Amino acid sequence: MTSTGLESKNSVIADVVDSVVSGGVNNGVMKVFNVAFAALFLVLSSLIYLTGPNLYLVAIMVINAFLFSTIQYIVAEYYKAKNSGKDGDKKEKNESAEKKSEQDKPKKVRKRI
């Protein structure tokens, strides 16, 4: 094994440990998650092939597919919200600065004749 392969393996493990300690989801956790679900799909598919289409195995496969897709969707939405939150903070700061500058301007007073 090359040193780059060892470094990437260590970085995935470090990412998972870091995610446990600090919270949140990072790329290492998603890699482990995808590999685990791929292994589960492979095992269930091979069991369905070897034993025949058993109702329970098919049901577990469907539940597994829904769970996988739901978690992928939630993580994608989490990243979208996280990224838009950073952009939203900048926009809010700009808007609040514009409002302050408008409030600082003296109001025009009309003289009555």
PDB file of N, CA and C in Angstrom:
ATOM      1  N   MET A   1       0.846  -1.172   0.000  1.00  0.00           N
ATOM      2  CA  MET A   1       0.000   0.000   0.000  1.00  0.00           C
ATOM      3  C   MET A   1       0.890   1.232   0.000  1.00  0.00           C
ATOM      4  N   THR A   2       0.527   2.209  -0.770  1.00  0.00           N
ATOM      5  CA  THR A   2       1.315   3.424  -0.845  1.00  0.00           C
ATOM      6  C   THR A   2       1.011   4.316   0.349  1.00  0.00           C
ATOM      7  N   SER A   3       1.860   5.290   0.528  1.00  0.00           N
ATOM      8  CA  SER A   3       1.660   6.185   1.660  1.00  0.00           C
ATOM      9  C   SER A   3       0.420   7.054   1.462  1.00  0.00           C
ATOM     10  N   THR A   4       0.067   7.374   0.216  1.00  0.00           N
ATOM     11  CA  THR A   4      -1.121   8.191  -0.009  1.00  0.00           C
ATOM     12  C   THR A   4      -2.383   7.423   0.352  1.00  0.00           C
ATOM     13  N   GLY A   5      -2.401   6.129   0.079  1.00  0.00           N
ATOM     14  CA  GLY A   5      -3.553   5.318   0.456  1.00  0.00           C
ATOM     15  C   GLY A   5      -3.694   5.227   1.957  1.00  0.00           C
ATOM     16  N   LEU A   6      -2.569   5.114   2.653  1.00  0.00           N
ATOM     17  CA  LEU A   6      -2.586   5.058   4.111  1.00  0.00           C
ATOM     18  C   LEU A   6      -3.032   6.391   4.689  1.00  0.00           C
ATOM     19  N   GLU A   7      -2.564   7.492   4.090  1.00  0.00           N
ATOM     20  CA  GLU A   7      -2.959   8.807   4.568  1.00  0.00           C
ATOM     21  C   GLU A   7      -4.449   9.036   4.384  1.00  0.00           C
ATOM     22  N   SER A   8      -5.000   8.611   3.250  1.00  0.00           N
ATOM     23  CA  SER A   8      -6.429   8.813   3.026  1.00  0.00           C
ATOM     24  C   SER A   8      -7.250   7.956   3.977  1.00  0.00           C
ATOM     25  N   LYS A   9      -6.775   6.747   4.273  1.00  0.00           N
ATOM     26  CA  LYS A   9      -7.474   5.884   5.224  1.00  0.00           C
ATOM     27  C   LYS A   9      -7.449   6.517   6.605  1.00  0.00           C
ATOM     28  N   ASN A  10      -6.294   7.044   6.994  1.00  0.00           N
ATOM     29  CA  ASN A  10      -6.194   7.704   8.288  1.00  0.00           C
ATOM     30  C   ASN A  10      -7.044   8.964   8.337  1.00  0.00           C
ATOM     31  N   SER A  11      -7.142   9.676   7.228  1.00  0.00           N
ATOM     32  CA  SER A  11      -7.943  10.891   7.229  1.00  0.00           C
ATOM     33  C   SER A  11      -9.434  10.575   7.355  1.00  0.00           C
ATOM     34  N   VAL A  12      -9.881   9.465   6.776  1.00  0.00           N
ATOM     35  CA  VAL A  12     -11.292   9.077   6.909  1.00  0.00           C
ATOM     36  C   VAL A  12     -11.584   8.727   8.360  1.00  0.00           C
ATOM     37  N   ILE A  13     -10.679   7.954   8.980  1.00  0.00           N
ATOM     38  CA  ILE A  13     -10.868   7.600  10.387  1.00  0.00           C
ATOM     39  C   ILE A  13     -10.816   8.851  11.248  1.00  0.00           C
ATOM     40  N   ALA A  14      -9.896   9.748  10.952  1.00  0.00           N
ATOM     41  CA  ALA A  14      -9.798  10.999  11.706  1.00  0.00           C
ATOM     42  C   ALA A  14     -11.055  11.842  11.524  1.00  0.00           C
ATOM     43  N   ASP A  15     -11.606  11.862  10.306  1.00  0.00           N
ATOM     44  CA  ASP A  15     -12.847  12.605  10.061  1.00  0.00           C
ATOM     45  C   ASP A  15     -14.004  12.039  10.870  1.00  0.00           C
ATOM     46  N   VAL A  16     -14.096  10.720  10.941  1.00  0.00           N
ATOM     47  CA  VAL A  16     -15.182  10.093  11.693  1.00  0.00           C
ATOM     48  C   VAL A  16     -15.034  10.398  13.182  1.00  0.00           C
ATOM     49  N   VAL A  17     -13.827  10.271  13.702  1.00  0.00           N
ATOM     50  CA  VAL A  17     -13.596  10.568  15.120  1.00  0.00           C
ATOM     51  C   VAL A  17     -13.857  12.041  15.394  1.00  0.00           C
ATOM     52  N   ASP A  18     -13.422  12.904  14.500  1.00  0.00           N
ATOM     53  CA  ASP A  18     -13.665  14.333  14.657  1.00  0.00           C
ATOM     54  C   ASP A  18     -15.153  14.649  14.639  1.00  0.00           C
ATOM     55  N   SER A  19     -15.893  13.951  13.802  1.00  0.00           N
ATOM     56  CA  SER A  19     -17.336  14.167  13.732  1.00  0.00           C
ATOM     57  C   SER A  19     -18.018  13.730  15.020  1.00  0.00           C
ATOM     58  N   VAL A  20     -17.525  12.664  15.632  1.00  0.00           N
ATOM     59  CA  VAL A  20     -18.106  12.203  16.902  1.00  0.00           C
ATOM     60  C   VAL A  20     -17.844  13.221  17.992  1.00  0.00           C
ATOM     61  N   VAL A  21     -16.631  13.771  18.020  1.00  0.00           N
ATOM     62  CA  VAL A  21     -16.251  14.698  19.074  1.00  0.00           C
ATOM     63  C   VAL A  21     -16.906  16.059  18.882  1.00  0.00           C
ATOM     64  N   SER A  22     -16.883  16.576  17.656  1.00  0.00           N
ATOM     65  CA  SER A  22     -17.364  17.937  17.426  1.00  0.00           C
ATOM     66  C   SER A  22     -18.811  18.007  16.950  1.00  0.00           C
ATOM     67  N   GLY A  23     -19.362  16.934  16.482  1.00  0.00           N
ATOM     68  CA  GLY A  23     -20.727  16.950  15.972  1.00  0.00           C
ATOM     69  C   GLY A  23     -20.762  17.361  14.517  1.00  0.00           C
ATOM     70  N   GLY A  24     -21.884  17.131  13.878  1.00  0.00           N
ATOM     71  CA  GLY A  24     -22.002  17.477  12.470  1.00  0.00           C
ATOM     72  C   GLY A  24     -21.615  16.321  11.570  1.00  0.00           C
ATOM     73  N   VAL A  25     -21.677  16.575  10.279  1.00  0.00           N
ATOM     74  CA  VAL A  25     -21.364  15.553   9.277  1.00  0.00           C
ATOM     75  C   VAL A  25     -20.271  16.102   8.383  1.00  0.00           C
ATOM     76  N   ASN A  26     -19.250  15.271   8.125  1.00  0.00           N
ATOM     77  CA  ASN A  26     -18.192  15.684   7.214  1.00  0.00           C
ATOM     78  C   ASN A  26     -18.009  14.608   6.150  1.00  0.00           C
ATOM     79  N   ASN A  27     -17.055  14.803   5.261  1.00  0.00           N
ATOM     80  CA  ASN A  27     -16.868  13.883   4.132  1.00  0.00           C
ATOM     81  C   ASN A  27     -16.482  12.484   4.575  1.00  0.00           C
ATOM     82  N   GLY A  28     -15.675  12.364   5.619  1.00  0.00           N
ATOM     83  CA  GLY A  28     -15.272  11.039   6.100  1.00  0.00           C
ATOM     84  C   GLY A  28     -16.458  10.225   6.588  1.00  0.00           C
ATOM     85  N   VAL A  29     -17.360  10.871   7.291  1.00  0.00           N
ATOM     86  CA  VAL A  29     -18.558  10.186   7.783  1.00  0.00           C
ATOM     87  C   VAL A  29     -19.433   9.746   6.620  1.00  0.00           C
ATOM     88  N   MET A  30     -19.555  10.585   5.609  1.00  0.00           N
ATOM     89  CA  MET A  30     -20.376  10.224   4.460  1.00  0.00           C
ATOM     90  C   MET A  30     -19.752   9.078   3.663  1.00  0.00           C
ATOM     91  N   LYS A  31     -18.419   9.039   3.596  1.00  0.00           N
ATOM     92  CA  LYS A  31     -17.768   7.917   2.912  1.00  0.00           C
ATOM     93  C   LYS A  31     -18.046   6.609   3.633  1.00  0.00           C
ATOM     94  N   VAL A  32     -17.902   6.610   4.958  1.00  0.00           N
ATOM     95  CA  VAL A  32     -18.167   5.405   5.748  1.00  0.00           C
ATOM     96  C   VAL A  32     -19.636   5.007   5.629  1.00  0.00           C
ATOM     97  N   PHE A  33     -20.519   5.992   5.665  1.00  0.00           N
ATOM     98  CA  PHE A  33     -21.949   5.751   5.528  1.00  0.00           C
ATOM     99  C   PHE A  33     -22.276   5.104   4.181  1.00  0.00           C
ATOM    100  N   ASN A  34     -21.715   5.642   3.102  1.00  0.00           N
ATOM    101  CA  ASN A  34     -21.975   5.099   1.767  1.00  0.00           C
ATOM    102  C   ASN A  34     -21.410   3.694   1.606  1.00  0.00           C
ATOM    103  N   VAL A  35     -20.230   3.443   2.159  1.00  0.00           N
ATOM    104  CA  VAL A  35     -19.637   2.109   2.074  1.00  0.00           C
ATOM    105  C   VAL A  35     -20.477   1.108   2.863  1.00  0.00           C
ATOM    106  N   ALA A  36     -20.952   1.503   4.032  1.00  0.00           N
ATOM    107  CA  ALA A  36     -21.764   0.599   4.855  1.00  0.00           C
ATOM    108  C   ALA A  36     -23.073   0.251   4.146  1.00  0.00           C
ATOM    109  N   PHE A  37     -23.722   1.242   3.556  1.00  0.00           N
ATOM    110  CA  PHE A  37     -24.971   0.958   2.849  1.00  0.00           C
ATOM    111  C   PHE A  37     -24.733   0.156   1.573  1.00  0.00           C
ATOM    112  N   ALA A  38     -23.618   0.398   0.909  1.00  0.00           N
ATOM    113  CA  ALA A  38     -23.301  -0.400  -0.277  1.00  0.00           C
ATOM    114  C   ALA A  38     -23.093  -1.860   0.107  1.00  0.00           C
ATOM    115  N   ALA A  39     -22.406  -2.090   1.234  1.00  0.00           N
ATOM    116  CA  ALA A  39     -22.213  -3.465   1.714  1.00  0.00           C
ATOM    117  C   ALA A  39     -23.551  -4.101   2.076  1.00  0.00           C
ATOM    118  N   LEU A  40     -24.428  -3.337   2.700  1.00  0.00           N
ATOM    119  CA  LEU A  40     -25.747  -3.867   3.056  1.00  0.00           C
ATOM    120  C   LEU A  40     -26.560  -4.199   1.808  1.00  0.00           C
ATOM    121  N   PHE A  41     -26.533  -3.333   0.805  1.00  0.00           N
ATOM    122  CA  PHE A  41     -27.217  -3.625  -0.462  1.00  0.00           C
ATOM    123  C   PHE A  41     -26.663  -4.898  -1.106  1.00  0.00           C
ATOM    124  N   LEU A  42     -25.350  -5.026  -1.068  1.00  0.00           N
ATOM    125  CA  LEU A  42     -24.711  -6.198  -1.664  1.00  0.00           C
ATOM    126  C   LEU A  42     -25.122  -7.482  -0.935  1.00  0.00           C
ATOM    127  N   VAL A  43     -25.115  -7.454   0.383  1.00  0.00           N
ATOM    128  CA  VAL A  43     -25.492  -8.633   1.160  1.00  0.00           C
ATOM    129  C   VAL A  43     -26.960  -8.990   0.928  1.00  0.00           C
ATOM    130  N   LEU A  44     -27.824  -7.992   0.972  1.00  0.00           N
ATOM    131  CA  LEU A  44     -29.254  -8.269   0.765  1.00  0.00           C
ATOM    132  C   LEU A  44     -29.524  -8.763  -0.657  1.00  0.00           C
ATOM    133  N   SER A  45     -28.851  -8.170  -1.634  1.00  0.00           N
ATOM    134  CA  SER A  45     -29.036  -8.621  -3.019  1.00  0.00           C
ATOM    135  C   SER A  45     -28.567 -10.058  -3.196  1.00  0.00           C
ATOM    136  N   SER A  46     -27.430 -10.388  -2.596  1.00  0.00           N
ATOM    137  CA  SER A  46     -26.938 -11.760  -2.717  1.00  0.00           C
ATOM    138  C   SER A  46     -27.854 -12.741  -1.993  1.00  0.00           C
ATOM    139  N   LEU A  47     -28.414 -12.349  -0.852  1.00  0.00           N
ATOM    140  CA  LEU A  47     -29.364 -13.225  -0.163  1.00  0.00           C
ATOM    141  C   LEU A  47     -30.634 -13.424  -0.980  1.00  0.00           C
ATOM    142  N   ILE A  48     -31.104 -12.370  -1.606  1.00  0.00           N
ATOM    143  CA  ILE A  48     -32.298 -12.493  -2.450  1.00  0.00           C
ATOM    144  C   ILE A  48     -32.001 -13.402  -3.641  1.00  0.00           C
ATOM    145  N   TYR A  49     -30.814 -13.282  -4.227  1.00  0.00           N
ATOM    146  CA  TYR A  49     -30.437 -14.120  -5.357  1.00  0.00           C
ATOM    147  C   TYR A  49     -30.294 -15.585  -4.934  1.00  0.00           C
ATOM    148  N   LEU A  50     -29.635 -15.822  -3.792  1.00  0.00           N
ATOM    149  CA  LEU A  50     -29.355 -17.193  -3.360  1.00  0.00           C
ATOM    150  C   LEU A  50     -30.591 -17.916  -2.814  1.00  0.00           C
ATOM    151  N   THR A  51     -31.459 -17.214  -2.092  1.00  0.00           N
ATOM    152  CA  THR A  51     -32.605 -17.871  -1.457  1.00  0.00           C
ATOM    153  C   THR A  51     -33.901 -17.693  -2.229  1.00  0.00           C
ATOM    154  N   GLY A  52     -33.871 -16.875  -3.247  1.00  0.00           N
ATOM    155  CA  GLY A  52     -35.107 -16.588  -3.968  1.00  0.00           C
ATOM    156  C   GLY A  52     -35.749 -15.346  -3.397  1.00  0.00           C
ATOM    157  N   PRO A  53     -36.658 -14.763  -4.137  1.00  0.00           N
ATOM    158  CA  PRO A  53     -37.275 -13.515  -3.671  1.00  0.00           C
ATOM    159  C   PRO A  53     -38.187 -13.757  -2.461  1.00  0.00           C
ATOM    160  N   ASN A  54     -37.609 -13.671  -1.296  1.00  0.00           N
ATOM    161  CA  ASN A  54     -38.331 -13.820  -0.044  1.00  0.00           C
ATOM    162  C   ASN A  54     -38.991 -12.475   0.288  1.00  0.00           C
ATOM    163  N   LEU A  55     -40.227 -12.504   0.754  1.00  0.00           N
ATOM    164  CA  LEU A  55     -40.966 -11.281   1.055  1.00  0.00           C
ATOM    165  C   LEU A  55     -40.236 -10.441   2.100  1.00  0.00           C
ATOM    166  N   TYR A  56     -39.685 -11.067   3.110  1.00  0.00           N
ATOM    167  CA  TYR A  56     -39.012 -10.331   4.178  1.00  0.00           C
ATOM    168  C   TYR A  56     -37.731  -9.674   3.682  1.00  0.00           C
ATOM    169  N   LEU A  57     -36.978 -10.364   2.876  1.00  0.00           N
ATOM    170  CA  LEU A  57     -35.750  -9.777   2.339  1.00  0.00           C
ATOM    171  C   LEU A  57     -36.050  -8.612   1.396  1.00  0.00           C
ATOM    172  N   VAL A  58     -37.096  -8.770   0.602  1.00  0.00           N
ATOM    173  CA  VAL A  58     -37.476  -7.675  -0.302  1.00  0.00           C
ATOM    174  C   VAL A  58     -37.940  -6.470   0.509  1.00  0.00           C
ATOM    175  N   ALA A  59     -38.705  -6.713   1.571  1.00  0.00           N
ATOM    176  CA  ALA A  59     -39.169  -5.614   2.428  1.00  0.00           C
ATOM    177  C   ALA A  59     -37.984  -4.907   3.088  1.00  0.00           C
ATOM    178  N   ILE A  60     -37.015  -5.675   3.568  1.00  0.00           N
ATOM    179  CA  ILE A  60     -35.834  -5.070   4.184  1.00  0.00           C
ATOM    180  C   ILE A  60     -35.042  -4.280   3.145  1.00  0.00           C
ATOM    181  N   MET A  61     -34.971  -4.801   1.929  1.00  0.00           N
ATOM    182  CA  MET A  61     -34.263  -4.091   0.858  1.00  0.00           C
ATOM    183  C   MET A  61     -34.960  -2.762   0.544  1.00  0.00           C
ATOM    184  N   VAL A  62     -36.272  -2.762   0.503  1.00  0.00           N
ATOM    185  CA  VAL A  62     -37.023  -1.524   0.229  1.00  0.00           C
ATOM    186  C   VAL A  62     -36.842  -0.529   1.372  1.00  0.00           C
ATOM    187  N   ILE A  63     -36.918  -1.006   2.614  1.00  0.00           N
ATOM    188  CA  ILE A  63     -36.706  -0.129   3.766  1.00  0.00           C
ATOM    189  C   ILE A  63     -35.299   0.441   3.737  1.00  0.00           C
ATOM    190  N   ASN A  64     -34.334  -0.388   3.395  1.00  0.00           N
ATOM    191  CA  ASN A  64     -32.947   0.050   3.289  1.00  0.00           C
ATOM    192  C   ASN A  64     -32.798   1.136   2.220  1.00  0.00           C
ATOM    193  N   ALA A  65     -33.435   0.965   1.097  1.00  0.00           N
ATOM    194  CA  ALA A  65     -33.354   1.955   0.016  1.00  0.00           C
ATOM    195  C   ALA A  65     -33.985   3.281   0.448  1.00  0.00           C
ATOM    196  N   PHE A  66     -35.140   3.227   1.105  1.00  0.00           N
ATOM    197  CA  PHE A  66     -35.777   4.459   1.585  1.00  0.00           C
ATOM    198  C   PHE A  66     -34.928   5.145   2.647  1.00  0.00           C
ATOM    199  N   LEU A  67     -34.356   4.367   3.553  1.00  0.00           N
ATOM    200  CA  LEU A  67     -33.510   4.940   4.596  1.00  0.00           C
ATOM    201  C   LEU A  67     -32.277   5.609   4.004  1.00  0.00           C
ATOM    202  N   PHE A  68     -31.642   4.939   3.063  1.00  0.00           N
ATOM    203  CA  PHE A  68     -30.462   5.498   2.411  1.00  0.00           C
ATOM    204  C   PHE A  68     -30.797   6.805   1.697  1.00  0.00           C
ATOM    205  N   SER A  69     -31.865   6.796   0.906  1.00  0.00           N
ATOM    206  CA  SER A  69     -32.215   8.001   0.152  1.00  0.00           C
ATOM    207  C   SER A  69     -32.652   9.136   1.071  1.00  0.00           C
ATOM    208  N   THR A  70     -33.345   8.819   2.161  1.00  0.00           N
ATOM    209  CA  THR A  70     -33.779   9.848   3.102  1.00  0.00           C
ATOM    210  C   THR A  70     -32.589  10.502   3.794  1.00  0.00           C
ATOM    211  N   ILE A  71     -31.636   9.703   4.220  1.00  0.00           N
ATOM    212  CA  ILE A  71     -30.463  10.261   4.887  1.00  0.00           C
ATOM    213  C   ILE A  71     -29.643  11.098   3.913  1.00  0.00           C
ATOM    214  N   GLN A  72     -29.505  10.645   2.671  1.00  0.00           N
ATOM    215  CA  GLN A  72     -28.781  11.431   1.672  1.00  0.00           C
ATOM    216  C   GLN A  72     -29.471  12.780   1.451  1.00  0.00           C
ATOM    217  N   TYR A  73     -30.801  12.770   1.389  1.00  0.00           N
ATOM    218  CA  TYR A  73     -31.559  14.005   1.185  1.00  0.00           C
ATOM    219  C   TYR A  73     -31.385  14.958   2.368  1.00  0.00           C
ATOM    220  N   ILE A  74     -31.465  14.425   3.584  1.00  0.00           N
ATOM    221  CA  ILE A  74     -31.345  15.268   4.778  1.00  0.00           C
ATOM    222  C   ILE A  74     -29.960  15.896   4.858  1.00  0.00           C
ATOM    223  N   VAL A  75     -28.923  15.126   4.570  1.00  0.00           N
ATOM    224  CA  VAL A  75     -27.564  15.668   4.609  1.00  0.00           C
ATOM    225  C   VAL A  75     -27.383  16.731   3.531  1.00  0.00           C
ATOM    226  N   ALA A  76     -27.943  16.508   2.349  1.00  0.00           N
ATOM    227  CA  ALA A  76     -27.846  17.509   1.285  1.00  0.00           C
ATOM    228  C   ALA A  76     -28.543  18.808   1.684  1.00  0.00           C
ATOM    229  N   GLU A  77     -29.713  18.697   2.296  1.00  0.00           N
ATOM    230  CA  GLU A  77     -30.430  19.889   2.757  1.00  0.00           C
ATOM    231  C   GLU A  77     -29.673  20.584   3.891  1.00  0.00           C
ATOM    232  N   TYR A  78     -29.020  19.802   4.742  1.00  0.00           N
ATOM    233  CA  TYR A  78     -28.216  20.373   5.826  1.00  0.00           C
ATOM    234  C   TYR A  78     -27.086  21.218   5.256  1.00  0.00           C
ATOM    235  N   TYR A  79     -26.401  20.683   4.232  1.00  0.00           N
ATOM    236  CA  TYR A  79     -25.319  21.435   3.607  1.00  0.00           C
ATOM    237  C   TYR A  79     -25.846  22.690   2.907  1.00  0.00           C
ATOM    238  N   LYS A  80     -27.013  22.591   2.262  1.00  0.00           N
ATOM    239  CA  LYS A  80     -27.596  23.771   1.610  1.00  0.00           C
ATOM    240  C   LYS A  80     -27.917  24.845   2.635  1.00  0.00           C
ATOM    241  N   ALA A  81     -28.516  24.433   3.754  1.00  0.00           N
ATOM    242  CA  ALA A  81     -28.875  25.398   4.795  1.00  0.00           C
ATOM    243  C   ALA A  81     -27.634  26.006   5.435  1.00  0.00           C
ATOM    244  N   LYS A  82     -26.631  25.188   5.608  1.00  0.00           N
ATOM    245  CA  LYS A  82     -25.381  25.664   6.205  1.00  0.00           C
ATOM    246  C   LYS A  82     -24.719  26.688   5.297  1.00  0.00           C
ATOM    247  N   ASN A  83     -24.687  26.413   3.995  1.00  0.00           N
ATOM    248  CA  ASN A  83     -24.070  27.340   3.047  1.00  0.00           C
ATOM    249  C   ASN A  83     -24.908  28.595   2.850  1.00  0.00           C
ATOM    250  N   SER A  84     -26.222  28.451   2.792  1.00  0.00           N
ATOM    251  CA  SER A  84     -27.067  29.628   2.614  1.00  0.00           C
ATOM    252  C   SER A  84     -27.100  30.463   3.884  1.00  0.00           C
ATOM    253  N   GLY A  85     -26.889  29.850   5.022  1.00  0.00           N
ATOM    254  CA  GLY A  85     -26.830  30.599   6.277  1.00  0.00           C
ATOM    255  C   GLY A  85     -25.642  31.532   6.302  1.00  0.00           C
ATOM    256  N   LYS A  86     -24.519  31.093   5.764  1.00  0.00           N
ATOM    257  CA  LYS A  86     -23.346  31.959   5.699  1.00  0.00           C
ATOM    258  C   LYS A  86     -23.609  33.123   4.762  1.00  0.00           C
ATOM    259  N   ASP A  87     -24.218  32.854   3.609  1.00  0.00           N
ATOM    260  CA  ASP A  87     -24.547  33.915   2.665  1.00  0.00           C
ATOM    261  C   ASP A  87     -25.626  34.825   3.237  1.00  0.00           C
ATOM    262  N   GLY A  88     -26.577  34.237   3.959  1.00  0.00           N
ATOM    263  CA  GLY A  88     -27.657  35.012   4.550  1.00  0.00           C
ATOM    264  C   GLY A  88     -27.160  35.972   5.606  1.00  0.00           C
ATOM    265  N   ASP A  89     -26.156  35.562   6.384  1.00  0.00           N
ATOM    266  CA  ASP A  89     -25.596  36.448   7.399  1.00  0.00           C
ATOM    267  C   ASP A  89     -24.961  37.667   6.747  1.00  0.00           C
ATOM    268  N   LYS A  90     -24.261  37.460   5.627  1.00  0.00           N
ATOM    269  CA  LYS A  90     -23.641  38.575   4.923  1.00  0.00           C
ATOM    270  C   LYS A  90     -24.708  39.519   4.390  1.00  0.00           C
ATOM    271  N   LYS A  91     -25.788  38.952   3.842  1.00  0.00           N
ATOM    272  CA  LYS A  91     -26.860  39.783   3.295  1.00  0.00           C
ATOM    273  C   LYS A  91     -27.541  40.569   4.411  1.00  0.00           C
ATOM    274  N   GLU A  92     -27.770  39.909   5.570  1.00  0.00           N
ATOM    275  CA  GLU A  92     -28.411  40.599   6.684  1.00  0.00           C
ATOM    276  C   GLU A  92     -27.542  41.739   7.192  1.00  0.00           C
ATOM    277  N   LYS A  93     -26.235  41.534   7.257  1.00  0.00           N
ATOM    278  CA  LYS A  93     -25.336  42.583   7.699  1.00  0.00           C
ATOM    279  C   LYS A  93     -25.375  43.755   6.738  1.00  0.00           C
ATOM    280  N   ASN A  94     -25.387  43.483   5.430  1.00  0.00           N
ATOM    281  CA  ASN A  94     -25.446  44.548   4.432  1.00  0.00           C
ATOM    282  C   ASN A  94     -26.762  45.307   4.532  1.00  0.00           C
ATOM    283  N   GLU A  95     -27.871  44.574   4.701  1.00  0.00           N
ATOM    284  CA  GLU A  95     -29.171  45.216   4.806  1.00  0.00           C
ATOM    285  C   GLU A  95     -29.261  46.061   6.064  1.00  0.00           C
ATOM    286  N   SER A  96     -28.742  45.569   7.173  1.00  0.00           N
ATOM    287  CA  SER A  96     -28.804  46.336   8.414  1.00  0.00           C
ATOM    288  C   SER A  96     -27.916  47.584   8.315  1.00  0.00           C
ATOM    289  N   ALA A  97     -26.784  47.488   7.613  1.00  0.00           N
ATOM    290  CA  ALA A  97     -25.921  48.656   7.420  1.00  0.00           C
ATOM    291  C   ALA A  97     -26.634  49.697   6.557  1.00  0.00           C
ATOM    292  N   GLU A  98     -27.367  49.247   5.533  1.00  0.00           N
ATOM    293  CA  GLU A  98     -28.116  50.181   4.689  1.00  0.00           C
ATOM    294  C   GLU A  98     -29.224  50.859   5.485  1.00  0.00           C
ATOM    295  N   LYS A  99     -29.911  50.126   6.327  1.00  0.00           N
ATOM    296  CA  LYS A  99     -30.972  50.708   7.142  1.00  0.00           C
ATOM    297  C   LYS A  99     -30.415  51.736   8.111  1.00  0.00           C
ATOM    298  N   LYS A 100     -29.249  51.434   8.711  1.00  0.00           N
ATOM    299  CA  LYS A 100     -28.634  52.375   9.644  1.00  0.00           C
ATOM    300  C   LYS A 100     -28.239  53.651   8.919  1.00  0.00           C
ATOM    301  N   SER A 101     -27.687  53.519   7.709  1.00  0.00           N
ATOM    302  CA  SER A 101     -27.270  54.704   6.970  1.00  0.00           C
ATOM    303  C   SER A 101     -28.488  55.543   6.572  1.00  0.00           C
ATOM    304  N   GLU A 102     -29.608  54.901   6.290  1.00  0.00           N
ATOM    305  CA  GLU A 102     -30.830  55.629   5.961  1.00  0.00           C
ATOM    306  C   GLU A 102     -31.385  56.323   7.195  1.00  0.00           C
ATOM    307  N   GLN A 103     -31.257  55.700   8.352  1.00  0.00           N
ATOM    308  CA  GLN A 103     -31.766  56.290   9.582  1.00  0.00           C
ATOM    309  C   GLN A 103     -30.900  57.458  10.039  1.00  0.00           C
ATOM    310  N   ASP A 104     -29.625  57.444   9.722  1.00  0.00           N
ATOM    311  CA  ASP A 104     -28.721  58.503  10.132  1.00  0.00           C
ATOM    312  C   ASP A 104     -28.923  59.785   9.338  1.00  0.00           C
ATOM    313  N   LYS A 105     -29.489  59.688   8.162  1.00  0.00           N
ATOM    314  CA  LYS A 105     -29.707  60.861   7.336  1.00  0.00           C
ATOM    315  C   LYS A 105     -30.787  61.734   7.975  1.00  0.00           C
ATOM    316  N   PRO A 106     -30.565  63.022   7.945  1.00  0.00           N
ATOM    317  CA  PRO A 106     -31.607  63.908   8.500  1.00  0.00           C
ATOM    318  C   PRO A 106     -32.844  63.905   7.603  1.00  0.00           C
ATOM    319  N   LYS A 107     -33.973  63.959   8.245  1.00  0.00           N
ATOM    320  CA  LYS A 107     -35.220  63.962   7.492  1.00  0.00           C
ATOM    321  C   LYS A 107     -35.447  65.348   6.901  1.00  0.00           C
ATOM    322  N   LYS A 108     -36.040  65.371   5.730  1.00  0.00           N
ATOM    323  CA  LYS A 108     -36.335  66.636   5.090  1.00  0.00           C
ATOM    324  C   LYS A 108     -37.568  67.241   5.766  1.00  0.00           C
ATOM    325  N   VAL A 109     -37.423  68.471   6.131  1.00  0.00           N
ATOM    326  CA  VAL A 109     -38.513  69.161   6.805  1.00  0.00           C
ATOM    327  C   VAL A 109     -39.063  70.194   5.852  1.00  0.00           C
ATOM    328  N   ARG A 110     -40.352  70.177   5.625  1.00  0.00           N
ATOM    329  CA  ARG A 110     -40.990  71.153   4.753  1.00  0.00           C
ATOM    330  C   ARG A 110     -41.417  72.362   5.598  1.00  0.00           C
ATOM    331  N   LYS A 111     -41.177  73.487   5.037  1.00  0.00           N
ATOM    332  CA  LYS A 111     -41.599  74.706   5.719  1.00  0.00           C
ATOM    333  C   LYS A 111     -43.026  75.011   5.288  1.00  0.00           C
ATOM    334  N   ARG A 112     -43.808  75.359   6.234  1.00  0.00           N
ATOM    335  CA  ARG A 112     -45.201  75.730   5.932  1.00  0.00           C
ATOM    336  C   ARG A 112     -45.256  77.203   5.587  1.00  0.00           C
ATOM    337  N   ILE A 113     -46.056  77.513   4.631  1.00  0.00           N
ATOM    338  CA  ILE A 113     -46.177  78.900   4.184  1.00  0.00           C
ATOM    339  C   ILE A 113     -47.380  79.517   4.831  1.00  0.00           C
TER     340      ILE A 113
END
